[in-house]
Amino acid sequence: MSQKYSSLIELLNAWFGGAATTMIGALVGRLMWHTNEVRKMRRKFFGKELLWEMPIAVGMAFIGEALASWLALEQPMATGLIAALAYLGPRGSEVLFMRWFAAKVEKG
């Protein structure tokens, strides 16, 4: 029986499950960042740097999953958040958090 899916995330969840979809989102986020670095001629596409993106993707998936849970986000918003955080990486996420935190402190 043919099933209709309204989004790519629903299809990936049905095929692989939620954990795999989370990891796919994180890996795609890091791959987008890596591809941008390649385009800027800062690194080779199939260099050793690509291997270093894997632990970052996994770590950002854990952080993103926790943040999505705290914000009570459902799929596909949670996977989108995870992919965005993976794209930003640890440094980008830190900058984003510090700006948010500074705005909260200034408001009082």
PDB file of N, CA and C in Angstrom:
ATOM      1  N   MET A   1       0.833  -1.174   0.000  1.00  0.00           N
ATOM      2  CA  MET A   1       0.000   0.000   0.000  1.00  0.00           C
ATOM      3  C   MET A   1       0.882   1.242   0.000  1.00  0.00           C
ATOM      4  N   SER A   2       0.599   2.124  -0.891  1.00  0.00           N
ATOM      5  CA  SER A   2       1.363   3.347  -1.045  1.00  0.00           C
ATOM      6  C   SER A   2       0.949   4.363   0.015  1.00  0.00           C
ATOM      7  N   GLN A   3       1.949   4.944   0.675  1.00  0.00           N
ATOM      8  CA  GLN A   3       1.675   5.974   1.678  1.00  0.00           C
ATOM      9  C   GLN A   3       2.124   7.318   1.136  1.00  0.00           C
ATOM     10  N   LYS A   4       1.397   8.353   1.484  1.00  0.00           N
ATOM     11  CA  LYS A   4       1.762   9.694   1.048  1.00  0.00           C
ATOM     12  C   LYS A   4       2.402  10.430   2.214  1.00  0.00           C
ATOM     13  N   TYR A   5       3.515  11.052   1.927  1.00  0.00           N
ATOM     14  CA  TYR A   5       4.226  11.832   2.933  1.00  0.00           C
ATOM     15  C   TYR A   5       4.167  13.295   2.527  1.00  0.00           C
ATOM     16  N   SER A   6       3.946  14.157   3.491  1.00  0.00           N
ATOM     17  CA  SER A   6       3.825  15.579   3.174  1.00  0.00           C
ATOM     18  C   SER A   6       5.168  16.301   3.190  1.00  0.00           C
ATOM     19  N   SER A   7       6.222  15.642   3.688  1.00  0.00           N
ATOM     20  CA  SER A   7       7.535  16.289   3.704  1.00  0.00           C
ATOM     21  C   SER A   7       8.637  15.241   3.612  1.00  0.00           C
ATOM     22  N   LEU A   8       9.816  15.710   3.284  1.00  0.00           N
ATOM     23  CA  LEU A   8      10.980  14.831   3.215  1.00  0.00           C
ATOM     24  C   LEU A   8      11.306  14.261   4.591  1.00  0.00           C
ATOM     25  N   ILE A   9      11.124  15.051   5.631  1.00  0.00           N
ATOM     26  CA  ILE A   9      11.397  14.591   6.993  1.00  0.00           C
ATOM     27  C   ILE A   9      10.491  13.420   7.357  1.00  0.00           C
ATOM     28  N   GLU A  10       9.222  13.491   7.001  1.00  0.00           N
ATOM     29  CA  GLU A  10       8.302  12.377   7.272  1.00  0.00           C
ATOM     30  C   GLU A  10       8.748  11.118   6.548  1.00  0.00           C
ATOM     31  N   LEU A  11       9.192  11.265   5.317  1.00  0.00           N
ATOM     32  CA  LEU A  11       9.673  10.119   4.550  1.00  0.00           C
ATOM     33  C   LEU A  11      10.907   9.504   5.205  1.00  0.00           C
ATOM     34  N   LEU A  12      11.864  10.345   5.600  1.00  0.00           N
ATOM     35  CA  LEU A  12      13.073   9.837   6.255  1.00  0.00           C
ATOM     36  C   LEU A  12      12.746   9.181   7.586  1.00  0.00           C
ATOM     37  N   ASN A  13      11.815   9.763   8.348  1.00  0.00           N
ATOM     38  CA  ASN A  13      11.397   9.144   9.610  1.00  0.00           C
ATOM     39  C   ASN A  13      10.782   7.779   9.370  1.00  0.00           C
ATOM     40  N   ALA A  14       9.969   7.648   8.333  1.00  0.00           N
ATOM     41  CA  ALA A  14       9.335   6.364   8.032  1.00  0.00           C
ATOM     42  C   ALA A  14      10.365   5.334   7.587  1.00  0.00           C
ATOM     43  N   TRP A  15      11.326   5.755   6.787  1.00  0.00           N
ATOM     44  CA  TRP A  15      12.326   4.815   6.282  1.00  0.00           C
ATOM     45  C   TRP A  15      13.363   4.435   7.333  1.00  0.00           C
ATOM     46  N   PHE A  16      13.904   5.418   8.034  1.00  0.00           N
ATOM     47  CA  PHE A  16      15.057   5.180   8.901  1.00  0.00           C
ATOM     48  C   PHE A  16      14.776   5.329  10.385  1.00  0.00           C
ATOM     49  N   GLY A  17      13.735   6.043  10.767  1.00  0.00           N
ATOM     50  CA  GLY A  17      13.462   6.315  12.173  1.00  0.00           C
ATOM     51  C   GLY A  17      13.961   7.690  12.569  1.00  0.00           C
ATOM     52  N   GLY A  18      13.544   8.125  13.743  1.00  0.00           N
ATOM     53  CA  GLY A  18      13.848   9.478  14.198  1.00  0.00           C
ATOM     54  C   GLY A  18      15.318   9.735  14.470  1.00  0.00           C
ATOM     55  N   ALA A  19      16.018   8.763  15.056  1.00  0.00           N
ATOM     56  CA  ALA A  19      17.434   8.966  15.381  1.00  0.00           C
ATOM     57  C   ALA A  19      18.268   9.119  14.116  1.00  0.00           C
ATOM     58  N   ALA A  20      17.993   8.291  13.130  1.00  0.00           N
ATOM     59  CA  ALA A  20      18.733   8.389  11.871  1.00  0.00           C
ATOM     60  C   ALA A  20      18.416   9.694  11.158  1.00  0.00           C
ATOM     61  N   THR A  21      17.167  10.124  11.224  1.00  0.00           N
ATOM     62  CA  THR A  21      16.794  11.392  10.599  1.00  0.00           C
ATOM     63  C   THR A  21      17.515  12.553  11.270  1.00  0.00           C
ATOM     64  N   THR A  22      17.648  12.493  12.579  1.00  0.00           N
ATOM     65  CA  THR A  22      18.391  13.517  13.309  1.00  0.00           C
ATOM     66  C   THR A  22      19.838  13.556  12.842  1.00  0.00           C
ATOM     67  N   MET A  23      20.463  12.386  12.713  1.00  0.00           N
ATOM     68  CA  MET A  23      21.856  12.326  12.276  1.00  0.00           C
ATOM     69  C   MET A  23      22.006  12.780  10.828  1.00  0.00           C
ATOM     70  N   ILE A  24      21.056  12.412   9.981  1.00  0.00           N
ATOM     71  CA  ILE A  24      21.109  12.860   8.587  1.00  0.00           C
ATOM     72  C   ILE A  24      21.040  14.384   8.539  1.00  0.00           C
ATOM     73  N   GLY A  25      20.141  14.969   9.328  1.00  0.00           N
ATOM     74  CA  GLY A  25      20.039  16.431   9.380  1.00  0.00           C
ATOM     75  C   GLY A  25      21.335  17.080   9.843  1.00  0.00           C
ATOM     76  N   ALA A  26      21.948  16.516  10.870  1.00  0.00           N
ATOM     77  CA  ALA A  26      23.203  17.067  11.385  1.00  0.00           C
ATOM     78  C   ALA A  26      24.332  16.921  10.370  1.00  0.00           C
ATOM     79  N   LEU A  27      24.417  15.769   9.728  1.00  0.00           N
ATOM     80  CA  LEU A  27      25.464  15.554   8.729  1.00  0.00           C
ATOM     81  C   LEU A  27      25.281  16.469   7.524  1.00  0.00           C
ATOM     82  N   VAL A  28      24.045  16.663   7.098  1.00  0.00           N
ATOM     83  CA  VAL A  28      23.789  17.572   5.973  1.00  0.00           C
ATOM     84  C   VAL A  28      24.158  19.001   6.356  1.00  0.00           C
ATOM     85  N   GLY A  29      23.852  19.399   7.590  1.00  0.00           N
ATOM     86  CA  GLY A  29      24.226  20.733   8.051  1.00  0.00           C
ATOM     87  C   GLY A  29      25.729  20.950   8.013  1.00  0.00           C
ATOM     88  N   ARG A  30      26.492  19.984   8.510  1.00  0.00           N
ATOM     89  CA  ARG A  30      27.952  20.110   8.495  1.00  0.00           C
ATOM     90  C   ARG A  30      28.496  20.034   7.075  1.00  0.00           C
ATOM     91  N   LEU A  31      27.877  19.204   6.234  1.00  0.00           N
ATOM     92  CA  LEU A  31      28.318  19.101   4.844  1.00  0.00           C
ATOM     93  C   LEU A  31      28.095  20.424   4.103  1.00  0.00           C
ATOM     94  N   MET A  32      27.003  21.111   4.410  1.00  0.00           N
ATOM     95  CA  MET A  32      26.772  22.427   3.792  1.00  0.00           C
ATOM     96  C   MET A  32      27.864  23.410   4.205  1.00  0.00           C
ATOM     97  N   TRP A  33      28.244  23.388   5.475  1.00  0.00           N
ATOM     98  CA  TRP A  33      29.293  24.287   5.947  1.00  0.00           C
ATOM     99  C   TRP A  33      30.632  23.930   5.293  1.00  0.00           C
ATOM    100  N   HIS A  34      30.934  22.627   5.235  1.00  0.00           N
ATOM    101  CA  HIS A  34      32.179  22.157   4.627  1.00  0.00           C
ATOM    102  C   HIS A  34      32.233  22.546   3.147  1.00  0.00           C
ATOM    103  N   THR A  35      31.118  22.394   2.449  1.00  0.00           N
ATOM    104  CA  THR A  35      31.061  22.742   1.032  1.00  0.00           C
ATOM    105  C   THR A  35      31.300  24.234   0.831  1.00  0.00           C
ATOM    106  N   ASN A  36      30.803  25.045   1.732  1.00  0.00           N
ATOM    107  CA  ASN A  36      31.051  26.485   1.657  1.00  0.00           C
ATOM    108  C   ASN A  36      32.536  26.790   1.834  1.00  0.00           C
ATOM    109  N   GLU A  37      33.193  26.086   2.735  1.00  0.00           N
ATOM    110  CA  GLU A  37      34.634  26.268   2.926  1.00  0.00           C
ATOM    111  C   GLU A  37      35.406  25.835   1.681  1.00  0.00           C
ATOM    112  N   VAL A  38      34.967  24.760   1.038  1.00  0.00           N
ATOM    113  CA  VAL A  38      35.602  24.304  -0.202  1.00  0.00           C
ATOM    114  C   VAL A  38      35.429  25.361  -1.287  1.00  0.00           C
ATOM    115  N   ARG A  39      34.231  25.915  -1.382  1.00  0.00           N
ATOM    116  CA  ARG A  39      33.947  26.939  -2.390  1.00  0.00           C
ATOM    117  C   ARG A  39      34.832  28.166  -2.192  1.00  0.00           C
ATOM    118  N   LYS A  40      35.147  28.490  -0.949  1.00  0.00           N
ATOM    119  CA  LYS A  40      36.017  29.633  -0.652  1.00  0.00           C
ATOM    120  C   LYS A  40      37.493  29.275  -0.775  1.00  0.00           C
ATOM    121  N   MET A  41      37.779  28.041  -1.206  1.00  0.00           N
ATOM    122  CA  MET A  41      39.145  27.535  -1.422  1.00  0.00           C
ATOM    123  C   MET A  41      39.960  27.454  -0.133  1.00  0.00           C
ATOM    124  N   ARG A  42      39.292  27.238   0.992  1.00  0.00           N
ATOM    125  CA  ARG A  42      39.982  27.110   2.276  1.00  0.00           C
ATOM    126  C   ARG A  42      40.358  25.671   2.587  1.00  0.00           C
ATOM    127  N   ARG A  43      39.723  24.714   1.889  1.00  0.00           N
ATOM    128  CA  ARG A  43      40.028  23.301   2.096  1.00  0.00           C
ATOM    129  C   ARG A  43      39.603  22.495   0.890  1.00  0.00           C
ATOM    130  N   LYS A  44      40.123  21.261   0.816  1.00  0.00           N
ATOM    131  CA  LYS A  44      39.739  20.338  -0.256  1.00  0.00           C
ATOM    132  C   LYS A  44      38.472  19.610   0.158  1.00  0.00           C
ATOM    133  N   PHE A  45      37.672  19.224  -0.839  1.00  0.00           N
ATOM    134  CA  PHE A  45      36.424  18.547  -0.492  1.00  0.00           C
ATOM    135  C   PHE A  45      36.689  17.196   0.162  1.00  0.00           C
ATOM    136  N   PHE A  46      37.538  16.372  -0.450  1.00  0.00           N
ATOM    137  CA  PHE A  46      37.822  15.050   0.105  1.00  0.00           C
ATOM    138  C   PHE A  46      39.132  15.058   0.885  1.00  0.00           C
ATOM    139  N   GLY A  47      39.299  16.021   1.757  1.00  0.00           N
ATOM    140  CA  GLY A  47      40.484  16.098   2.593  1.00  0.00           C
ATOM    141  C   GLY A  47      40.223  15.502   3.967  1.00  0.00           C
ATOM    142  N   LYS A  48      41.275  15.491   4.788  1.00  0.00           N
ATOM    143  CA  LYS A  48      41.134  14.954   6.145  1.00  0.00           C
ATOM    144  C   LYS A  48      40.187  15.800   6.994  1.00  0.00           C
ATOM    145  N   GLU A  49      39.975  17.051   6.591  1.00  0.00           N
ATOM    146  CA  GLU A  49      39.067  17.924   7.335  1.00  0.00           C
ATOM    147  C   GLU A  49      37.644  17.400   7.333  1.00  0.00           C
ATOM    148  N   LEU A  50      37.285  16.698   6.256  1.00  0.00           N
ATOM    149  CA  LEU A  50      35.930  16.147   6.154  1.00  0.00           C
ATOM    150  C   LEU A  50      35.672  15.135   7.269  1.00  0.00           C
ATOM    151  N   LEU A  51      36.692  14.374   7.655  1.00  0.00           N
ATOM    152  CA  LEU A  51      36.537  13.405   8.750  1.00  0.00           C
ATOM    153  C   LEU A  51      36.311  14.106  10.089  1.00  0.00           C
ATOM    154  N   TRP A  52      36.923  15.279  10.267  1.00  0.00           N
ATOM    155  CA  TRP A  52      36.757  16.013  11.521  1.00  0.00           C
ATOM    156  C   TRP A  52      35.364  16.602  11.664  1.00  0.00           C
ATOM    157  N   GLU A  53      34.621  16.653  10.582  1.00  0.00           N
ATOM    158  CA  GLU A  53      33.253  17.168  10.655  1.00  0.00           C
ATOM    159  C   GLU A  53      32.303  16.157  11.300  1.00  0.00           C
ATOM    160  N   MET A  54      32.639  14.873  11.270  1.00  0.00           N
ATOM    161  CA  MET A  54      31.750  13.835  11.810  1.00  0.00           C
ATOM    162  C   MET A  54      31.499  13.997  13.306  1.00  0.00           C
ATOM    163  N   PRO A  55      32.540  14.110  14.149  1.00  0.00           N
ATOM    164  CA  PRO A  55      32.257  14.282  15.580  1.00  0.00           C
ATOM    165  C   PRO A  55      31.523  15.586  15.880  1.00  0.00           C
ATOM    166  N   ILE A  56      31.796  16.620  15.096  1.00  0.00           N
ATOM    167  CA  ILE A  56      31.077  17.881  15.294  1.00  0.00           C
ATOM    168  C   ILE A  56      29.604  17.687  14.982  1.00  0.00           C
ATOM    169  N   ALA A  57      29.306  16.968  13.898  1.00  0.00           N
ATOM    170  CA  ALA A  57      27.908  16.715  13.526  1.00  0.00           C
ATOM    171  C   ALA A  57      27.192  15.922  14.611  1.00  0.00           C
ATOM    172  N   VAL A  58      27.856  14.910  15.155  1.00  0.00           N
ATOM    173  CA  VAL A  58      27.237  14.094  16.210  1.00  0.00           C
ATOM    174  C   VAL A  58      27.005  14.937  17.462  1.00  0.00           C
ATOM    175  N   GLY A  59      28.002  15.706  17.857  1.00  0.00           N
ATOM    176  CA  GLY A  59      27.850  16.561  19.035  1.00  0.00           C
ATOM    177  C   GLY A  59      26.758  17.598  18.869  1.00  0.00           C
ATOM    178  N   MET A  60      26.704  18.215  17.704  1.00  0.00           N
ATOM    179  CA  MET A  60      25.666  19.217  17.459  1.00  0.00           C
ATOM    180  C   MET A  60      24.293  18.567  17.362  1.00  0.00           C
ATOM    181  N   ALA A  61      24.234  17.300  16.942  1.00  0.00           N
ATOM    182  CA  ALA A  61      22.949  16.583  16.931  1.00  0.00           C
ATOM    183  C   ALA A  61      22.443  16.386  18.356  1.00  0.00           C
ATOM    184  N   PHE A  62      23.340  16.030  19.281  1.00  0.00           N
ATOM    185  CA  PHE A  62      22.940  15.880  20.682  1.00  0.00           C
ATOM    186  C   PHE A  62      22.456  17.210  21.257  1.00  0.00           C
ATOM    187  N   ILE A  63      23.218  18.263  21.002  1.00  0.00           N
ATOM    188  CA  ILE A  63      22.840  19.583  21.508  1.00  0.00           C
ATOM    189  C   ILE A  63      21.523  20.034  20.889  1.00  0.00           C
ATOM    190  N   GLY A  64      21.387  19.847  19.591  1.00  0.00           N
ATOM    191  CA  GLY A  64      20.163  20.246  18.904  1.00  0.00           C
ATOM    192  C   GLY A  64      18.952  19.466  19.361  1.00  0.00           C
ATOM    193  N   GLU A  65      19.134  18.175  19.597  1.00  0.00           N
ATOM    194  CA  GLU A  65      18.020  17.346  20.082  1.00  0.00           C
ATOM    195  C   GLU A  65      17.582  17.800  21.472  1.00  0.00           C
ATOM    196  N   ALA A  66      18.553  18.119  22.325  1.00  0.00           N
ATOM    197  CA  ALA A  66      18.211  18.607  23.666  1.00  0.00           C
ATOM    198  C   ALA A  66      17.494  19.953  23.598  1.00  0.00           C
ATOM    199  N   LEU A  67      17.983  20.845  22.750  1.00  0.00           N
ATOM    200  CA  LEU A  67      17.343  22.154  22.609  1.00  0.00           C
ATOM    201  C   LEU A  67      15.941  22.020  22.021  1.00  0.00           C
ATOM    202  N   ALA A  68      15.779  21.145  21.038  1.00  0.00           N
ATOM    203  CA  ALA A  68      14.454  20.922  20.446  1.00  0.00           C
ATOM    204  C   ALA A  68      13.490  20.354  21.479  1.00  0.00           C
ATOM    205  N   SER A  69      13.983  19.473  22.340  1.00  0.00           N
ATOM    206  CA  SER A  69      13.148  18.916  23.399  1.00  0.00           C
ATOM    207  C   SER A  69      12.757  20.001  24.401  1.00  0.00           C
ATOM    208  N   TRP A  70      13.713  20.849  24.776  1.00  0.00           N
ATOM    209  CA  TRP A  70      13.454  21.931  25.722  1.00  0.00           C
ATOM    210  C   TRP A  70      12.448  22.926  25.162  1.00  0.00           C
ATOM    211  N   LEU A  71      12.539  23.189  23.852  1.00  0.00           N
ATOM    212  CA  LEU A  71      11.607  24.107  23.198  1.00  0.00           C
ATOM    213  C   LEU A  71      10.295  23.426  22.808  1.00  0.00           C
ATOM    214  N   ALA A  72      10.195  22.121  23.070  1.00  0.00           N
ATOM    215  CA  ALA A  72       9.010  21.313  22.745  1.00  0.00           C
ATOM    216  C   ALA A  72       8.686  21.361  21.255  1.00  0.00           C
ATOM    217  N   LEU A  73       9.731  21.236  20.420  1.00  0.00           N
ATOM    218  CA  LEU A  73       9.538  21.235  18.971  1.00  0.00           C
ATOM    219  C   LEU A  73       9.223  19.832  18.479  1.00  0.00           C
ATOM    220  N   GLU A  74       8.322  19.736  17.555  1.00  0.00           N
ATOM    221  CA  GLU A  74       7.974  18.466  16.914  1.00  0.00           C
ATOM    222  C   GLU A  74       8.745  18.369  15.598  1.00  0.00           C
ATOM    223  N   GLN A  75       8.661  17.188  14.965  1.00  0.00           N
ATOM    224  CA  GLN A  75       9.227  17.037  13.629  1.00  0.00           C
ATOM    225  C   GLN A  75       8.361  17.803  12.656  1.00  0.00           C
ATOM    226  N   PRO A  76       8.827  18.394  11.643  1.00  0.00           N
ATOM    227  CA  PRO A  76      10.198  18.493  11.147  1.00  0.00           C
ATOM    228  C   PRO A  76      10.973  19.682  11.710  1.00  0.00           C
ATOM    229  N   MET A  77      10.353  20.460  12.606  1.00  0.00           N
ATOM    230  CA  MET A  77      11.044  21.629  13.157  1.00  0.00           C
ATOM    231  C   MET A  77      12.292  21.229  13.933  1.00  0.00           C
ATOM    232  N   ALA A  78      12.225  20.120  14.651  1.00  0.00           N
ATOM    233  CA  ALA A  78      13.380  19.676  15.431  1.00  0.00           C
ATOM    234  C   ALA A  78      14.549  19.335  14.515  1.00  0.00           C
ATOM    235  N   THR A  79      14.281  18.633  13.426  1.00  0.00           N
ATOM    236  CA  THR A  79      15.347  18.279  12.494  1.00  0.00           C
ATOM    237  C   THR A  79      15.908  19.525  11.826  1.00  0.00           C
ATOM    238  N   GLY A  80      15.062  20.482  11.516  1.00  0.00           N
ATOM    239  CA  GLY A  80      15.538  21.744  10.947  1.00  0.00           C
ATOM    240  C   GLY A  80      16.435  22.496  11.909  1.00  0.00           C
ATOM    241  N   LEU A  81      16.059  22.516  13.187  1.00  0.00           N
ATOM    242  CA  LEU A  81      16.890  23.162  14.203  1.00  0.00           C
ATOM    243  C   LEU A  81      18.238  22.461  14.314  1.00  0.00           C
ATOM    244  N   ILE A  82      18.224  21.140  14.301  1.00  0.00           N
ATOM    245  CA  ILE A  82      19.461  20.365  14.404  1.00  0.00           C
ATOM    246  C   ILE A  82      20.367  20.632  13.211  1.00  0.00           C
ATOM    247  N   ALA A  83      19.802  20.655  12.007  1.00  0.00           N
ATOM    248  CA  ALA A  83      20.597  20.938  10.810  1.00  0.00           C
ATOM    249  C   ALA A  83      21.183  22.348  10.871  1.00  0.00           C
ATOM    250  N   ALA A  84      20.395  23.311  11.346  1.00  0.00           N
ATOM    251  CA  ALA A  84      20.882  24.691  11.450  1.00  0.00           C
ATOM    252  C   ALA A  84      22.010  24.798  12.471  1.00  0.00           C
ATOM    253  N   LEU A  85      21.857  24.142  13.620  1.00  0.00           N
ATOM    254  CA  LEU A  85      22.920  24.176  14.628  1.00  0.00           C
ATOM    255  C   LEU A  85      24.169  23.454  14.142  1.00  0.00           C
ATOM    256  N   ALA A  86      23.989  22.358  13.417  1.00  0.00           N
ATOM    257  CA  ALA A  86      25.142  21.645  12.869  1.00  0.00           C
ATOM    258  C   ALA A  86      25.871  22.513  11.855  1.00  0.00           C
ATOM    259  N   TYR A  87      25.110  23.262  11.059  1.00  0.00           N
ATOM    260  CA  TYR A  87      25.737  24.175  10.104  1.00  0.00           C
ATOM    261  C   TYR A  87      26.557  25.234  10.843  1.00  0.00           C
ATOM    262  N   LEU A  88      25.989  25.793  11.909  1.00  0.00           N
ATOM    263  CA  LEU A  88      26.703  26.815  12.675  1.00  0.00           C
ATOM    264  C   LEU A  88      27.921  26.242  13.388  1.00  0.00           C
ATOM    265  N   GLY A  89      27.812  25.009  13.848  1.00  0.00           N
ATOM    266  CA  GLY A  89      28.907  24.389  14.574  1.00  0.00           C
ATOM    267  C   GLY A  89      29.038  24.956  15.974  1.00  0.00           C
ATOM    268  N   PRO A  90      30.045  24.512  16.717  1.00  0.00           N
ATOM    269  CA  PRO A  90      30.210  24.975  18.096  1.00  0.00           C
ATOM    270  C   PRO A  90      30.474  26.479  18.204  1.00  0.00           C
ATOM    271  N   ARG A  91      31.319  27.011  17.338  1.00  0.00           N
ATOM    272  CA  ARG A  91      31.643  28.442  17.430  1.00  0.00           C
ATOM    273  C   ARG A  91      30.455  29.312  17.058  1.00  0.00           C
ATOM    274  N   GLY A  92      29.796  28.975  15.973  1.00  0.00           N
ATOM    275  CA  GLY A  92      28.627  29.750  15.553  1.00  0.00           C
ATOM    276  C   GLY A  92      27.507  29.692  16.570  1.00  0.00           C
ATOM    277  N   SER A  93      27.311  28.519  17.162  1.00  0.00           N
ATOM    278  CA  SER A  93      26.281  28.373  18.190  1.00  0.00           C
ATOM    279  C   SER A  93      26.622  29.193  19.428  1.00  0.00           C
ATOM    280  N   GLU A  94      27.908  29.232  19.769  1.00  0.00           N
ATOM    281  CA  GLU A  94      28.331  30.032  20.920  1.00  0.00           C
ATOM    282  C   GLU A  94      28.067  31.515  20.675  1.00  0.00           C
ATOM    283  N   VAL A  95      28.385  32.000  19.495  1.00  0.00           N
ATOM    284  CA  VAL A  95      28.141  33.407  19.164  1.00  0.00           C
ATOM    285  C   VAL A  95      26.650  33.709  19.222  1.00  0.00           C
ATOM    286  N   LEU A  96      25.839  32.833  18.655  1.00  0.00           N
ATOM    287  CA  LEU A  96      24.390  33.019  18.676  1.00  0.00           C
ATOM    288  C   LEU A  96      23.860  33.046  20.111  1.00  0.00           C
ATOM    289  N   PHE A  97      24.339  32.119  20.942  1.00  0.00           N
ATOM    290  CA  PHE A  97      23.905  32.069  22.337  1.00  0.00           C
ATOM    291  C   PHE A  97      24.329  33.323  23.095  1.00  0.00           C
ATOM    292  N   MET A  98      25.561  33.768  22.887  1.00  0.00           N
ATOM    293  CA  MET A  98      26.049  34.946  23.610  1.00  0.00           C
ATOM    294  C   MET A  98      25.263  36.196  23.223  1.00  0.00           C
ATOM    295  N   ARG A  99      24.896  36.322  21.961  1.00  0.00           N
ATOM    296  CA  ARG A  99      24.080  37.470  21.545  1.00  0.00           C
ATOM    297  C   ARG A  99      22.698  37.405  22.181  1.00  0.00           C
ATOM    298  N   TRP A 100      22.117  36.222  22.201  1.00  0.00           N
ATOM    299  CA  TRP A 100      20.803  36.055  22.823  1.00  0.00           C
ATOM    300  C   TRP A 100      20.883  36.357  24.315  1.00  0.00           C
ATOM    301  N   PHE A 101      21.911  35.824  24.980  1.00  0.00           N
ATOM    302  CA  PHE A 101      22.076  36.017  26.414  1.00  0.00           C
ATOM    303  C   PHE A 101      22.321  37.488  26.741  1.00  0.00           C
ATOM    304  N   ALA A 102      23.134  38.169  25.943  1.00  0.00           N
ATOM    305  CA  ALA A 102      23.398  39.594  26.172  1.00  0.00           C
ATOM    306  C   ALA A 102      22.118  40.413  26.023  1.00  0.00           C
ATOM    307  N   ALA A 103      21.291  40.065  25.065  1.00  0.00           N
ATOM    308  CA  ALA A 103      20.019  40.775  24.889  1.00  0.00           C
ATOM    309  C   ALA A 103      19.105  40.543  26.088  1.00  0.00           C
ATOM    310  N   LYS A 104      19.105  39.321  26.640  1.00  0.00           N
ATOM    311  CA  LYS A 104      18.296  39.018  27.823  1.00  0.00           C
ATOM    312  C   LYS A 104      18.779  39.814  29.032  1.00  0.00           C
ATOM    313  N   VAL A 105      20.093  39.919  29.204  1.00  0.00           N
ATOM    314  CA  VAL A 105      20.662  40.632  30.348  1.00  0.00           C
ATOM    315  C   VAL A 105      20.373  42.127  30.237  1.00  0.00           C
ATOM    316  N   GLU A 106      20.466  42.679  29.030  1.00  0.00           N
ATOM    317  CA  GLU A 106      20.207  44.108  28.839  1.00  0.00           C
ATOM    318  C   GLU A 106      18.760  44.470  29.144  1.00  0.00           C
ATOM    319  N   LYS A 107      17.831  43.564  28.840  1.00  0.00           N
ATOM    320  CA  LYS A 107      16.418  43.825  29.118  1.00  0.00           C
ATOM    321  C   LYS A 107      16.151  43.851  30.617  1.00  0.00           C
ATOM    322  N   GLY A 108      16.989  43.147  31.345  1.00  0.00           N
ATOM    323  CA  GLY A 108      16.874  43.186  32.796  1.00  0.00           C
ATOM    324  C   GLY A 108      16.114  42.084  33.321  1.00  0.00           C
TER     325      GLY A 108
END
